[in-house]
Amino acid sequence: MVKYFDEEWPKEEELLRLGLEMSRKNKADRFPTAGERWPRGGEVIQDKKPMRAYMIGNGESRKGFDLSRLRNTGKIFGCNALHREFLPDVITAVDHGIMHEIYHAGVAQKIPCYFRDWTKVPAMIYDDMLTGGLDKLEVDKIKESGKFIKENKKNDAKEFVMHGANLKGLVKIKKETGEIEPTNINHAVLRVSWIQQPDYSHSLTDYMPNNKDHGWACGASAGYIACEVYKAKEVYLIGHDLYSTNEKVNNLFAGTEHYVSKDNSPTPAVNWIRQWKAMFDGFQDVSFYKVNRFNDGRDQVNGRIKEWEGTKNLFYIDYSTLDNIL
């Protein structure tokens, strides 16, 4: 039976209308409105894309990868000594030596820094905390040695952060010779950071449930900050190798200050694996991607993690797949 134009046109018109609506919706999803591009005073730009976080570990698998390529596609979260070679958007550290190195380098005047037990106290109590009851002559002698106190310039700082035993618990001066010798081998240096302005340093504890630090390693601690504070919905683990491909420690900064020797045995991965699994389970609305250089199971670094099997929000990708995402 022949269908006439006036019978078919209403159907075609409806299809055309639906098509135009879908086209407008797709366009709206791709392009911001004028109000989103140029918000008026006090208005907030609404970003339709999920927040993407790149968690940069210091495993050797990322050697040669150009981290600057990640700029403008998400936030880059660094760990420990990454600042020596690249300035991320956010950095986390949990060991005293590297925390104060980061602060002394002026990093906290440029980007947010999240440190363990980073308690800022008034400058007026500096002397009491430092000396622990030693007299001024003894303190001056210890300072002159330049061995037992590491601090940045005070300038006009009104607060400071201190880690390590006070001088009385750190060293003793032989009365016969005036020689200074350490008494606490585990805390051979007292570290002080005078808080400069602007200051973007934070204590991890302030962002933990009930102000109680998880006690995690740097990697998972940085991941927690990305998800809890910055509300990341896509998290990419780059350079978080967990294992080693040989009998030596797997870290790009091994053998440098605040790190173990290059000849050390690999660090056991059990805690890192457990802590990241807690992250996957605790943030089930977040998609986690472990980025391996090859992802073909040729070794433990490039394979799947047994303890993570069955985790629905965890995916494995290689560098070529990451390239296509950027």
C-alpha atoms as a PDB file:
ATOM      1  CA  MET A   1       0.000   0.000   0.000  1.00  0.00           C
ATOM      2  CA  VAL A   2       1.366   3.379  -0.984  1.00  0.00           C
ATOM      3  CA  LYS A   3       1.919   5.837   1.879  1.00  0.00           C
ATOM      4  CA  TYR A   4       1.405   9.489   1.087  1.00  0.00           C
ATOM      5  CA  PHE A   5       3.583  12.403   2.127  1.00  0.00           C
ATOM      6  CA  ASP A   6       1.007  13.808   4.579  1.00  0.00           C
ATOM      7  CA  GLU A   7       0.885  10.433   6.342  1.00  0.00           C
ATOM      8  CA  GLU A   8       4.634   9.981   6.703  1.00  0.00           C
ATOM      9  CA  TRP A   9       5.733  13.549   7.397  1.00  0.00           C
ATOM     10  CA  PRO A  10       4.518  13.668  11.048  1.00  0.00           C
ATOM     11  CA  LYS A  11       6.643  10.589  11.777  1.00  0.00           C
ATOM     12  CA  GLU A  12       9.661  12.081  10.020  1.00  0.00           C
ATOM     13  CA  GLU A  13       9.126  15.359  11.865  1.00  0.00           C
ATOM     14  CA  GLU A  14       9.084  13.566  15.226  1.00  0.00           C
ATOM     15  CA  LEU A  15      12.304  11.701  14.380  1.00  0.00           C
ATOM     16  CA  LEU A  16      13.900  14.982  13.313  1.00  0.00           C
ATOM     17  CA  ARG A  17      12.836  16.626  16.588  1.00  0.00           C
ATOM     18  CA  LEU A  18      14.301  13.799  18.645  1.00  0.00           C
ATOM     19  CA  GLY A  19      17.504  13.918  16.633  1.00  0.00           C
ATOM     20  CA  LEU A  20      17.851  17.670  17.180  1.00  0.00           C
ATOM     21  CA  GLU A  21      17.272  17.275  20.921  1.00  0.00           C
ATOM     22  CA  MET A  22      19.955  14.597  21.142  1.00  0.00           C
ATOM     23  CA  SER A  23      22.325  16.760  19.119  1.00  0.00           C
ATOM     24  CA  ARG A  24      21.761  19.744  21.410  1.00  0.00           C
ATOM     25  CA  LYS A  25      22.308  17.564  24.490  1.00  0.00           C
ATOM     26  CA  ASN A  26      25.542  16.121  23.125  1.00  0.00           C
ATOM     27  CA  LYS A  27      26.757  19.588  22.214  1.00  0.00           C
ATOM     28  CA  ALA A  28      25.884  20.884  25.681  1.00  0.00           C
ATOM     29  CA  ASP A  29      27.876  18.038  27.218  1.00  0.00           C
ATOM     30  CA  ARG A  30      30.889  18.869  25.077  1.00  0.00           C
ATOM     31  CA  PHE A  31      30.876  22.652  25.253  1.00  0.00           C
ATOM     32  CA  PRO A  32      30.301  24.930  28.270  1.00  0.00           C
ATOM     33  CA  THR A  33      27.647  27.601  28.159  1.00  0.00           C
ATOM     34  CA  ALA A  34      28.577  31.260  28.199  1.00  0.00           C
ATOM     35  CA  GLY A  35      27.723  31.335  31.891  1.00  0.00           C
ATOM     36  CA  GLU A  36      30.086  28.463  32.555  1.00  0.00           C
ATOM     37  CA  ARG A  37      32.877  30.028  30.514  1.00  0.00           C
ATOM     38  CA  TRP A  38      32.555  33.487  32.017  1.00  0.00           C
ATOM     39  CA  PRO A  39      30.919  33.148  35.463  1.00  0.00           C
ATOM     40  CA  ARG A  40      29.814  36.293  37.200  1.00  0.00           C
ATOM     41  CA  GLY A  41      31.220  37.295  40.581  1.00  0.00           C
ATOM     42  CA  GLY A  42      30.954  34.565  43.163  1.00  0.00           C
ATOM     43  CA  GLU A  43      29.742  31.907  40.719  1.00  0.00           C
ATOM     44  CA  VAL A  44      31.578  28.595  40.449  1.00  0.00           C
ATOM     45  CA  ILE A  45      32.389  26.906  37.167  1.00  0.00           C
ATOM     46  CA  GLN A  46      30.760  23.490  37.072  1.00  0.00           C
ATOM     47  CA  ASP A  47      33.139  20.942  35.570  1.00  0.00           C
ATOM     48  CA  LYS A  48      31.144  18.147  33.961  1.00  0.00           C
ATOM     49  CA  LYS A  49      34.136  15.842  33.618  1.00  0.00           C
ATOM     50  CA  PRO A  50      35.017  13.577  36.560  1.00  0.00           C
ATOM     51  CA  MET A  51      38.062  14.750  38.478  1.00  0.00           C
ATOM     52  CA  ARG A  52      41.092  12.759  37.290  1.00  0.00           C
ATOM     53  CA  ALA A  53      44.072  12.212  39.601  1.00  0.00           C
ATOM     54  CA  TYR A  54      47.483  10.924  38.565  1.00  0.00           C
ATOM     55  CA  MET A  55      49.258   9.329  41.521  1.00  0.00           C
ATOM     56  CA  ILE A  56      52.987   9.436  40.758  1.00  0.00           C
ATOM     57  CA  GLY A  57      55.044   6.832  42.580  1.00  0.00           C
ATOM     58  CA  ASN A  58      58.810   6.622  42.312  1.00  0.00           C
ATOM     59  CA  GLY A  59      59.158   3.104  40.961  1.00  0.00           C
ATOM     60  CA  GLU A  60      61.610   2.597  38.108  1.00  0.00           C
ATOM     61  CA  SER A  61      58.844   1.693  35.653  1.00  0.00           C
ATOM     62  CA  ARG A  62      58.075   5.381  35.124  1.00  0.00           C
ATOM     63  CA  LYS A  63      61.665   6.234  34.186  1.00  0.00           C
ATOM     64  CA  GLY A  64      61.610   8.164  30.914  1.00  0.00           C
ATOM     65  CA  PHE A  65      57.887   8.933  31.079  1.00  0.00           C
ATOM     66  CA  ASP A  66      57.247  12.641  30.481  1.00  0.00           C
ATOM     67  CA  LEU A  67      55.076  13.696  33.414  1.00  0.00           C
ATOM     68  CA  SER A  68      54.446  17.112  31.866  1.00  0.00           C
ATOM     69  CA  ARG A  69      52.147  15.381  29.367  1.00  0.00           C
ATOM     70  CA  LEU A  70      49.680  14.893  32.195  1.00  0.00           C
ATOM     71  CA  ARG A  71      49.263  18.631  32.701  1.00  0.00           C
ATOM     72  CA  ASN A  72      45.810  20.022  31.960  1.00  0.00           C
ATOM     73  CA  THR A  73      44.227  16.549  31.837  1.00  0.00           C
ATOM     74  CA  GLY A  74      43.935  16.102  35.606  1.00  0.00           C
ATOM     75  CA  LYS A  75      45.722  16.825  38.885  1.00  0.00           C
ATOM     76  CA  ILE A  76      49.189  15.382  39.420  1.00  0.00           C
ATOM     77  CA  PHE A  77      49.837  14.056  42.938  1.00  0.00           C
ATOM     78  CA  GLY A  78      53.488  13.455  43.783  1.00  0.00           C
ATOM     79  CA  CYS A  79      55.212  11.471  46.519  1.00  0.00           C
ATOM     80  CA  ASN A  80      58.312  12.295  48.548  1.00  0.00           C
ATOM     81  CA  ALA A  81      61.314  13.448  46.458  1.00  0.00           C
ATOM     82  CA  LEU A  82      59.439  13.957  43.181  1.00  0.00           C
ATOM     83  CA  HIS A  83      59.884  17.714  43.661  1.00  0.00           C
ATOM     84  CA  ARG A  84      63.605  17.309  42.918  1.00  0.00           C
ATOM     85  CA  GLU A  85      62.862  16.624  39.260  1.00  0.00           C
ATOM     86  CA  PHE A  86      59.254  17.696  38.690  1.00  0.00           C
ATOM     87  CA  LEU A  87      56.762  19.970  40.449  1.00  0.00           C
ATOM     88  CA  PRO A  88      53.371  18.237  40.720  1.00  0.00           C
ATOM     89  CA  ASP A  89      50.077  19.941  41.586  1.00  0.00           C
ATOM     90  CA  VAL A  90      50.034  18.389  45.065  1.00  0.00           C
ATOM     91  CA  ILE A  91      52.730  16.535  47.018  1.00  0.00           C
ATOM     92  CA  THR A  92      52.605  14.193  50.013  1.00  0.00           C
ATOM     93  CA  ALA A  93      55.367  12.971  52.332  1.00  0.00           C
ATOM     94  CA  VAL A  94      55.268  11.013  55.577  1.00  0.00           C
ATOM     95  CA  ASP A  95      58.897  10.755  56.752  1.00  0.00           C
ATOM     96  CA  HIS A  96      60.485  13.612  58.705  1.00  0.00           C
ATOM     97  CA  GLY A  97      63.598  14.083  56.603  1.00  0.00           C
ATOM     98  CA  ILE A  98      61.874  14.370  53.242  1.00  0.00           C
ATOM     99  CA  MET A  99      59.022  16.489  54.655  1.00  0.00           C
ATOM    100  CA  HIS A 100      61.431  19.149  55.880  1.00  0.00           C
ATOM    101  CA  GLU A 101      63.490  18.907  52.675  1.00  0.00           C
ATOM    102  CA  ILE A 102      60.337  19.695  50.697  1.00  0.00           C
ATOM    103  CA  TYR A 103      59.486  22.622  52.959  1.00  0.00           C
ATOM    104  CA  HIS A 104      63.030  24.032  52.943  1.00  0.00           C
ATOM    105  CA  ALA A 105      62.973  23.892  49.130  1.00  0.00           C
ATOM    106  CA  GLY A 106      60.048  26.339  49.116  1.00  0.00           C
ATOM    107  CA  VAL A 107      57.611  23.840  47.622  1.00  0.00           C
ATOM    108  CA  ALA A 108      54.887  24.646  50.170  1.00  0.00           C
ATOM    109  CA  GLN A 109      54.904  28.252  48.988  1.00  0.00           C
ATOM    110  CA  LYS A 110      53.917  27.020  45.507  1.00  0.00           C
ATOM    111  CA  ILE A 111      51.640  23.991  45.847  1.00  0.00           C
ATOM    112  CA  PRO A 112      49.610  22.184  48.540  1.00  0.00           C
ATOM    113  CA  CYS A 113      51.752  19.826  50.644  1.00  0.00           C
ATOM    114  CA  TYR A 114      50.361  17.138  52.944  1.00  0.00           C
ATOM    115  CA  PHE A 115      52.700  15.925  55.700  1.00  0.00           C
ATOM    116  CA  ARG A 116      52.468  13.507  58.626  1.00  0.00           C
ATOM    117  CA  ASP A 117      52.231  15.025  62.138  1.00  0.00           C
ATOM    118  CA  TRP A 118      52.780  18.500  60.720  1.00  0.00           C
ATOM    119  CA  THR A 119      51.929  20.540  63.817  1.00  0.00           C
ATOM    120  CA  LYS A 120      52.612  24.274  63.631  1.00  0.00           C
ATOM    121  CA  VAL A 121      53.456  25.894  66.956  1.00  0.00           C
ATOM    122  CA  PRO A 122      54.081  29.546  67.950  1.00  0.00           C
ATOM    123  CA  ALA A 123      57.589  30.921  67.461  1.00  0.00           C
ATOM    124  CA  MET A 124      57.711  32.095  71.090  1.00  0.00           C
ATOM    125  CA  ILE A 125      58.191  28.533  72.393  1.00  0.00           C
ATOM    126  CA  TYR A 126      61.005  27.654  69.967  1.00  0.00           C
ATOM    127  CA  ASP A 127      63.847  28.016  72.481  1.00  0.00           C
ATOM    128  CA  ASP A 128      62.145  25.886  75.127  1.00  0.00           C
ATOM    129  CA  MET A 129      61.353  23.109  72.656  1.00  0.00           C
ATOM    130  CA  LEU A 130      64.818  23.235  71.115  1.00  0.00           C
ATOM    131  CA  THR A 131      67.052  23.264  74.175  1.00  0.00           C
ATOM    132  CA  GLY A 132      65.265  20.957  76.585  1.00  0.00           C
ATOM    133  CA  GLY A 133      66.977  22.765  79.463  1.00  0.00           C
ATOM    134  CA  LEU A 134      70.528  23.163  78.105  1.00  0.00           C
ATOM    135  CA  ASP A 135      72.183  26.493  78.862  1.00  0.00           C
ATOM    136  CA  LYS A 136      72.799  29.080  76.144  1.00  0.00           C
ATOM    137  CA  LEU A 137      76.543  28.405  75.817  1.00  0.00           C
ATOM    138  CA  GLU A 138      75.907  24.722  75.206  1.00  0.00           C
ATOM    139  CA  VAL A 139      73.199  25.481  72.639  1.00  0.00           C
ATOM    140  CA  ASP A 140      75.432  27.959  70.804  1.00  0.00           C
ATOM    141  CA  LYS A 141      78.238  25.403  70.656  1.00  0.00           C
ATOM    142  CA  ILE A 142      75.906  22.758  69.222  1.00  0.00           C
ATOM    143  CA  LYS A 143      74.559  25.204  66.634  1.00  0.00           C
ATOM    144  CA  GLU A 144      78.071  26.195  65.598  1.00  0.00           C
ATOM    145  CA  SER A 145      78.906  22.578  64.824  1.00  0.00           C
ATOM    146  CA  GLY A 146      76.240  22.608  62.090  1.00  0.00           C
ATOM    147  CA  LYS A 147      75.643  18.875  62.495  1.00  0.00           C
ATOM    148  CA  PHE A 148      72.613  18.404  64.685  1.00  0.00           C
ATOM    149  CA  ILE A 149      70.051  21.005  63.627  1.00  0.00           C
ATOM    150  CA  LYS A 150      68.626  21.401  60.122  1.00  0.00           C
ATOM    151  CA  GLU A 151      66.375  24.406  59.686  1.00  0.00           C
ATOM    152  CA  ASN A 152      65.446  26.985  57.088  1.00  0.00           C
ATOM    153  CA  LYS A 153      65.750  30.738  57.631  1.00  0.00           C
ATOM    154  CA  LYS A 154      63.301  32.151  60.117  1.00  0.00           C
ATOM    155  CA  ASN A 155      62.704  35.487  58.364  1.00  0.00           C
ATOM    156  CA  ASP A 156      59.509  36.890  59.916  1.00  0.00           C
ATOM    157  CA  ALA A 157      57.917  33.493  60.602  1.00  0.00           C
ATOM    158  CA  LYS A 158      55.447  33.351  63.464  1.00  0.00           C
ATOM    159  CA  GLU A 159      55.201  29.545  63.549  1.00  0.00           C
ATOM    160  CA  PHE A 160      57.443  26.529  63.108  1.00  0.00           C
ATOM    161  CA  VAL A 161      57.292  22.729  62.890  1.00  0.00           C
ATOM    162  CA  MET A 162      59.863  20.596  64.727  1.00  0.00           C
ATOM    163  CA  HIS A 163      60.642  16.880  64.521  1.00  0.00           C
ATOM    164  CA  GLY A 164      63.238  14.911  66.451  1.00  0.00           C
ATOM    165  CA  ALA A 165      64.440  14.849  70.042  1.00  0.00           C
ATOM    166  CA  ASN A 166      65.333  18.171  71.678  1.00  0.00           C
ATOM    167  CA  LEU A 167      69.029  18.980  71.985  1.00  0.00           C
ATOM    168  CA  LYS A 168      69.306  17.644  75.527  1.00  0.00           C
ATOM    169  CA  GLY A 169      68.021  14.274  74.362  1.00  0.00           C
ATOM    170  CA  LEU A 170      70.023  14.415  71.145  1.00  0.00           C
ATOM    171  CA  VAL A 171      73.603  15.171  72.209  1.00  0.00           C
ATOM    172  CA  LYS A 172      75.842  15.650  75.205  1.00  0.00           C
ATOM    173  CA  ILE A 173      78.923  17.813  75.640  1.00  0.00           C
ATOM    174  CA  LYS A 174      81.937  16.308  77.374  1.00  0.00           C
ATOM    175  CA  LYS A 175      82.967  18.735  80.108  1.00  0.00           C
ATOM    176  CA  GLU A 176      86.626  17.741  79.908  1.00  0.00           C
ATOM    177  CA  THR A 177      87.083  18.371  76.171  1.00  0.00           C
ATOM    178  CA  GLY A 178      83.969  20.263  75.061  1.00  0.00           C
ATOM    179  CA  GLU A 179      83.440  17.559  72.443  1.00  0.00           C
ATOM    180  CA  ILE A 180      79.870  17.063  71.202  1.00  0.00           C
ATOM    181  CA  GLU A 181      78.665  13.500  70.757  1.00  0.00           C
ATOM    182  CA  PRO A 182      75.231  12.148  69.784  1.00  0.00           C
ATOM    183  CA  THR A 183      73.260  10.254  72.420  1.00  0.00           C
ATOM    184  CA  ASN A 184      70.259   9.261  70.287  1.00  0.00           C
ATOM    185  CA  ILE A 185      71.330   7.395  67.166  1.00  0.00           C
ATOM    186  CA  ASN A 186      67.753   7.060  65.880  1.00  0.00           C
ATOM    187  CA  HIS A 187      67.212  10.827  65.983  1.00  0.00           C
ATOM    188  CA  ALA A 188      70.647  12.180  65.154  1.00  0.00           C
ATOM    189  CA  VAL A 189      69.259  15.386  63.633  1.00  0.00           C
ATOM    190  CA  LEU A 190      66.644  17.814  64.884  1.00  0.00           C
ATOM    191  CA  ARG A 191      64.634  19.239  61.965  1.00  0.00           C
ATOM    192  CA  VAL A 192      62.874  22.592  62.007  1.00  0.00           C
ATOM    193  CA  SER A 193      60.800  24.319  59.356  1.00  0.00           C
ATOM    194  CA  TRP A 194      59.939  27.955  59.921  1.00  0.00           C
ATOM    195  CA  ILE A 195      56.553  28.586  58.317  1.00  0.00           C
ATOM    196  CA  GLN A 196      56.871  31.073  55.481  1.00  0.00           C
ATOM    197  CA  GLN A 197      54.101  32.905  53.638  1.00  0.00           C
ATOM    198  CA  PRO A 198      52.224  31.989  51.569  1.00  0.00           C
ATOM    199  CA  ASP A 199      51.978  28.605  53.215  1.00  0.00           C
ATOM    200  CA  TYR A 200      50.117  25.673  51.662  1.00  0.00           C
ATOM    201  CA  SER A 201      51.326  22.962  54.045  1.00  0.00           C
ATOM    202  CA  HIS A 202      48.804  20.736  55.817  1.00  0.00           C
ATOM    203  CA  SER A 203      48.847  17.913  58.335  1.00  0.00           C
ATOM    204  CA  LEU A 204      47.434  14.626  57.054  1.00  0.00           C
ATOM    205  CA  THR A 205      45.766  14.101  60.418  1.00  0.00           C
ATOM    206  CA  ASP A 206      43.423  17.033  59.799  1.00  0.00           C
ATOM    207  CA  TYR A 207      41.805  15.134  56.920  1.00  0.00           C
ATOM    208  CA  MET A 208      41.542  11.701  58.538  1.00  0.00           C
ATOM    209  CA  PRO A 209      38.417  10.362  60.282  1.00  0.00           C
ATOM    210  CA  ASN A 210      38.422  11.439  63.934  1.00  0.00           C
ATOM    211  CA  ASN A 211      41.760  13.188  63.277  1.00  0.00           C
ATOM    212  CA  LYS A 212      43.529   9.831  63.482  1.00  0.00           C
ATOM    213  CA  ASP A 213      46.287   9.153  60.954  1.00  0.00           C
ATOM    214  CA  HIS A 214      45.982   5.845  59.099  1.00  0.00           C
ATOM    215  CA  GLY A 215      49.729   5.373  59.424  1.00  0.00           C
ATOM    216  CA  TRP A 216      49.917   4.461  55.747  1.00  0.00           C
ATOM    217  CA  ALA A 217      52.885   4.768  53.432  1.00  0.00           C
ATOM    218  CA  CYS A 218      53.157   7.831  51.235  1.00  0.00           C
ATOM    219  CA  GLY A 219      51.481   6.367  48.132  1.00  0.00           C
ATOM    220  CA  ALA A 220      48.172   5.346  49.677  1.00  0.00           C
ATOM    221  CA  SER A 221      48.186   8.486  51.864  1.00  0.00           C
ATOM    222  CA  ALA A 222      48.422  10.595  48.703  1.00  0.00           C
ATOM    223  CA  GLY A 223      45.613   8.525  47.185  1.00  0.00           C
ATOM    224  CA  TYR A 224      43.453   9.216  50.216  1.00  0.00           C
ATOM    225  CA  ILE A 225      44.000  12.961  49.864  1.00  0.00           C
ATOM    226  CA  ALA A 226      43.133  12.780  46.143  1.00  0.00           C
ATOM    227  CA  CYS A 227      39.835  11.008  46.825  1.00  0.00           C
ATOM    228  CA  GLU A 228      38.788  12.538  50.142  1.00  0.00           C
ATOM    229  CA  VAL A 229      39.936  16.137  49.730  1.00  0.00           C
ATOM    230  CA  TYR A 230      39.964  16.640  45.951  1.00  0.00           C
ATOM    231  CA  LYS A 231      37.048  14.266  45.209  1.00  0.00           C
ATOM    232  CA  ALA A 232      38.842  12.415  42.420  1.00  0.00           C
ATOM    233  CA  LYS A 233      36.689   9.943  40.496  1.00  0.00           C
ATOM    234  CA  GLU A 234      39.399   8.517  38.238  1.00  0.00           C
ATOM    235  CA  VAL A 235      42.727   7.608  39.862  1.00  0.00           C
ATOM    236  CA  TYR A 236      45.741   6.475  37.825  1.00  0.00           C
ATOM    237  CA  LEU A 237      48.642   4.783  39.647  1.00  0.00           C
ATOM    238  CA  ILE A 238      51.835   5.537  37.713  1.00  0.00           C
ATOM    239  CA  GLY A 239      55.184   4.311  39.016  1.00  0.00           C
ATOM    240  CA  HIS A 240      53.602   2.431  41.908  1.00  0.00           C
ATOM    241  CA  ASP A 241      55.510  -0.732  41.075  1.00  0.00           C
ATOM    242  CA  LEU A 242      55.030  -2.457  44.451  1.00  0.00           C
ATOM    243  CA  TYR A 243      57.538  -5.146  43.503  1.00  0.00           C
ATOM    244  CA  SER A 244      61.025  -5.190  41.979  1.00  0.00           C
ATOM    245  CA  THR A 245      62.274  -6.861  38.791  1.00  0.00           C
ATOM    246  CA  ASN A 246      65.551  -7.863  40.475  1.00  0.00           C
ATOM    247  CA  GLU A 247      67.049  -8.378  43.920  1.00  0.00           C
ATOM    248  CA  LYS A 248      67.556  -4.645  44.540  1.00  0.00           C
ATOM    249  CA  VAL A 249      65.255  -1.981  45.919  1.00  0.00           C
ATOM    250  CA  ASN A 250      62.979  -0.466  43.265  1.00  0.00           C
ATOM    251  CA  ASN A 251      63.075   3.318  43.682  1.00  0.00           C
ATOM    252  CA  LEU A 252      64.325   6.045  41.368  1.00  0.00           C
ATOM    253  CA  PHE A 253      65.775   7.970  44.329  1.00  0.00           C
ATOM    254  CA  ALA A 254      67.526   5.052  46.040  1.00  0.00           C
ATOM    255  CA  GLY A 255      71.011   6.039  47.162  1.00  0.00           C
ATOM    256  CA  THR A 256      70.123   9.710  47.646  1.00  0.00           C
ATOM    257  CA  GLU A 257      69.477  11.639  50.860  1.00  0.00           C
ATOM    258  CA  HIS A 258      66.603  10.263  52.956  1.00  0.00           C
ATOM    259  CA  TYR A 259      66.509   7.045  50.914  1.00  0.00           C
ATOM    260  CA  VAL A 260      68.025   3.604  51.374  1.00  0.00           C
ATOM    261  CA  SER A 261      71.063   2.407  49.441  1.00  0.00           C
ATOM    262  CA  LYS A 262      70.658   1.187  45.868  1.00  0.00           C
ATOM    263  CA  ASP A 263      72.056  -2.141  47.053  1.00  0.00           C
ATOM    264  CA  ASN A 264      69.294  -2.733  49.583  1.00  0.00           C
ATOM    265  CA  SER A 265      66.938  -5.647  49.086  1.00  0.00           C
ATOM    266  CA  PRO A 266      63.440  -4.876  47.767  1.00  0.00           C
ATOM    267  CA  THR A 267      60.996  -3.395  50.253  1.00  0.00           C
ATOM    268  CA  PRO A 268      58.240  -5.942  51.062  1.00  0.00           C
ATOM    269  CA  ALA A 269      55.062  -4.958  49.213  1.00  0.00           C
ATOM    270  CA  VAL A 270      52.583  -6.353  51.718  1.00  0.00           C
ATOM    271  CA  ASN A 271      51.718  -3.037  53.408  1.00  0.00           C
ATOM    272  CA  TRP A 272      51.415  -1.118  50.139  1.00  0.00           C
ATOM    273  CA  ILE A 273      49.111  -3.788  48.733  1.00  0.00           C
ATOM    274  CA  ARG A 274      46.942  -3.827  51.852  1.00  0.00           C
ATOM    275  CA  GLN A 275      46.705  -0.038  52.030  1.00  0.00           C
ATOM    276  CA  TRP A 276      45.726   0.412  48.381  1.00  0.00           C
ATOM    277  CA  LYS A 277      43.126  -2.351  48.752  1.00  0.00           C
ATOM    278  CA  ALA A 278      41.643  -0.384  51.643  1.00  0.00           C
ATOM    279  CA  MET A 279      41.483   2.610  49.292  1.00  0.00           C
ATOM    280  CA  PHE A 280      39.669   0.634  46.581  1.00  0.00           C
ATOM    281  CA  ASP A 281      37.148  -0.657  49.118  1.00  0.00           C
ATOM    282  CA  GLY A 282      36.727   2.682  50.867  1.00  0.00           C
ATOM    283  CA  PHE A 283      36.046   4.652  47.676  1.00  0.00           C
ATOM    284  CA  GLN A 284      33.911   2.310  45.593  1.00  0.00           C
ATOM    285  CA  ASP A 285      32.542   5.165  43.480  1.00  0.00           C
ATOM    286  CA  VAL A 286      36.087   5.854  42.230  1.00  0.00           C
ATOM    287  CA  SER A 287      37.675   4.018  39.288  1.00  0.00           C
ATOM    288  CA  PHE A 288      41.310   3.076  39.942  1.00  0.00           C
ATOM    289  CA  TYR A 289      43.730   2.281  37.110  1.00  0.00           C
ATOM    290  CA  LYS A 290      47.082   0.627  37.782  1.00  0.00           C
ATOM    291  CA  VAL A 291      49.318   1.723  34.924  1.00  0.00           C
ATOM    292  CA  ASN A 292      52.027  -0.803  34.019  1.00  0.00           C
ATOM    293  CA  ARG A 293      54.628  -0.201  31.360  1.00  0.00           C
ATOM    294  CA  PHE A 294      53.842  -3.471  29.580  1.00  0.00           C
ATOM    295  CA  ASN A 295      50.974  -5.045  31.537  1.00  0.00           C
ATOM    296  CA  ASP A 296      51.700  -8.470  30.045  1.00  0.00           C
ATOM    297  CA  GLY A 297      52.622 -10.389  33.178  1.00  0.00           C
ATOM    298  CA  ARG A 298      56.286 -10.745  32.250  1.00  0.00           C
ATOM    299  CA  ASP A 299      57.199 -10.046  35.893  1.00  0.00           C
ATOM    300  CA  GLN A 300      55.575  -8.964  39.148  1.00  0.00           C
ATOM    301  CA  VAL A 301      55.833  -5.279  38.245  1.00  0.00           C
ATOM    302  CA  ASN A 302      53.914  -5.772  34.994  1.00  0.00           C
ATOM    303  CA  GLY A 303      51.371  -8.269  36.250  1.00  0.00           C
ATOM    304  CA  ARG A 304      48.150  -8.317  38.195  1.00  0.00           C
ATOM    305  CA  ILE A 305      48.171  -8.225  41.978  1.00  0.00           C
ATOM    306  CA  LYS A 306      46.813 -11.443  43.441  1.00  0.00           C
ATOM    307  CA  GLU A 307      45.403  -9.784  46.568  1.00  0.00           C
ATOM    308  CA  TRP A 308      43.414  -7.336  44.427  1.00  0.00           C
ATOM    309  CA  GLU A 309      41.591  -9.919  42.325  1.00  0.00           C
ATOM    310  CA  GLY A 310      37.830  -9.445  42.286  1.00  0.00           C
ATOM    311  CA  THR A 311      38.063  -5.704  42.956  1.00  0.00           C
ATOM    312  CA  LYS A 312      35.368  -4.281  40.680  1.00  0.00           C
ATOM    313  CA  ASN A 313      36.610  -0.684  40.606  1.00  0.00           C
ATOM    314  CA  LEU A 314      40.220  -1.590  39.737  1.00  0.00           C
ATOM    315  CA  PHE A 315      41.512  -1.827  36.161  1.00  0.00           C
ATOM    316  CA  TYR A 316      44.931  -2.497  34.622  1.00  0.00           C
ATOM    317  CA  ILE A 317      46.220  -0.528  31.641  1.00  0.00           C
ATOM    318  CA  ASP A 318      49.598  -0.058  29.959  1.00  0.00           C
ATOM    319  CA  TYR A 319      51.390   3.087  28.825  1.00  0.00           C
ATOM    320  CA  SER A 320      50.050   2.882  25.273  1.00  0.00           C
ATOM    321  CA  THR A 321      46.488   2.848  26.607  1.00  0.00           C
ATOM    322  CA  LEU A 322      47.314   5.807  28.833  1.00  0.00           C
ATOM    323  CA  ASP A 323      48.655   7.638  25.772  1.00  0.00           C
ATOM    324  CA  ASN A 324      45.271   7.224  24.077  1.00  0.00           C
ATOM    325  CA  ILE A 325      43.472   8.606  27.117  1.00  0.00           C
ATOM    326  CA  LEU A 326      45.541  11.790  27.337  1.00  0.00           C
END
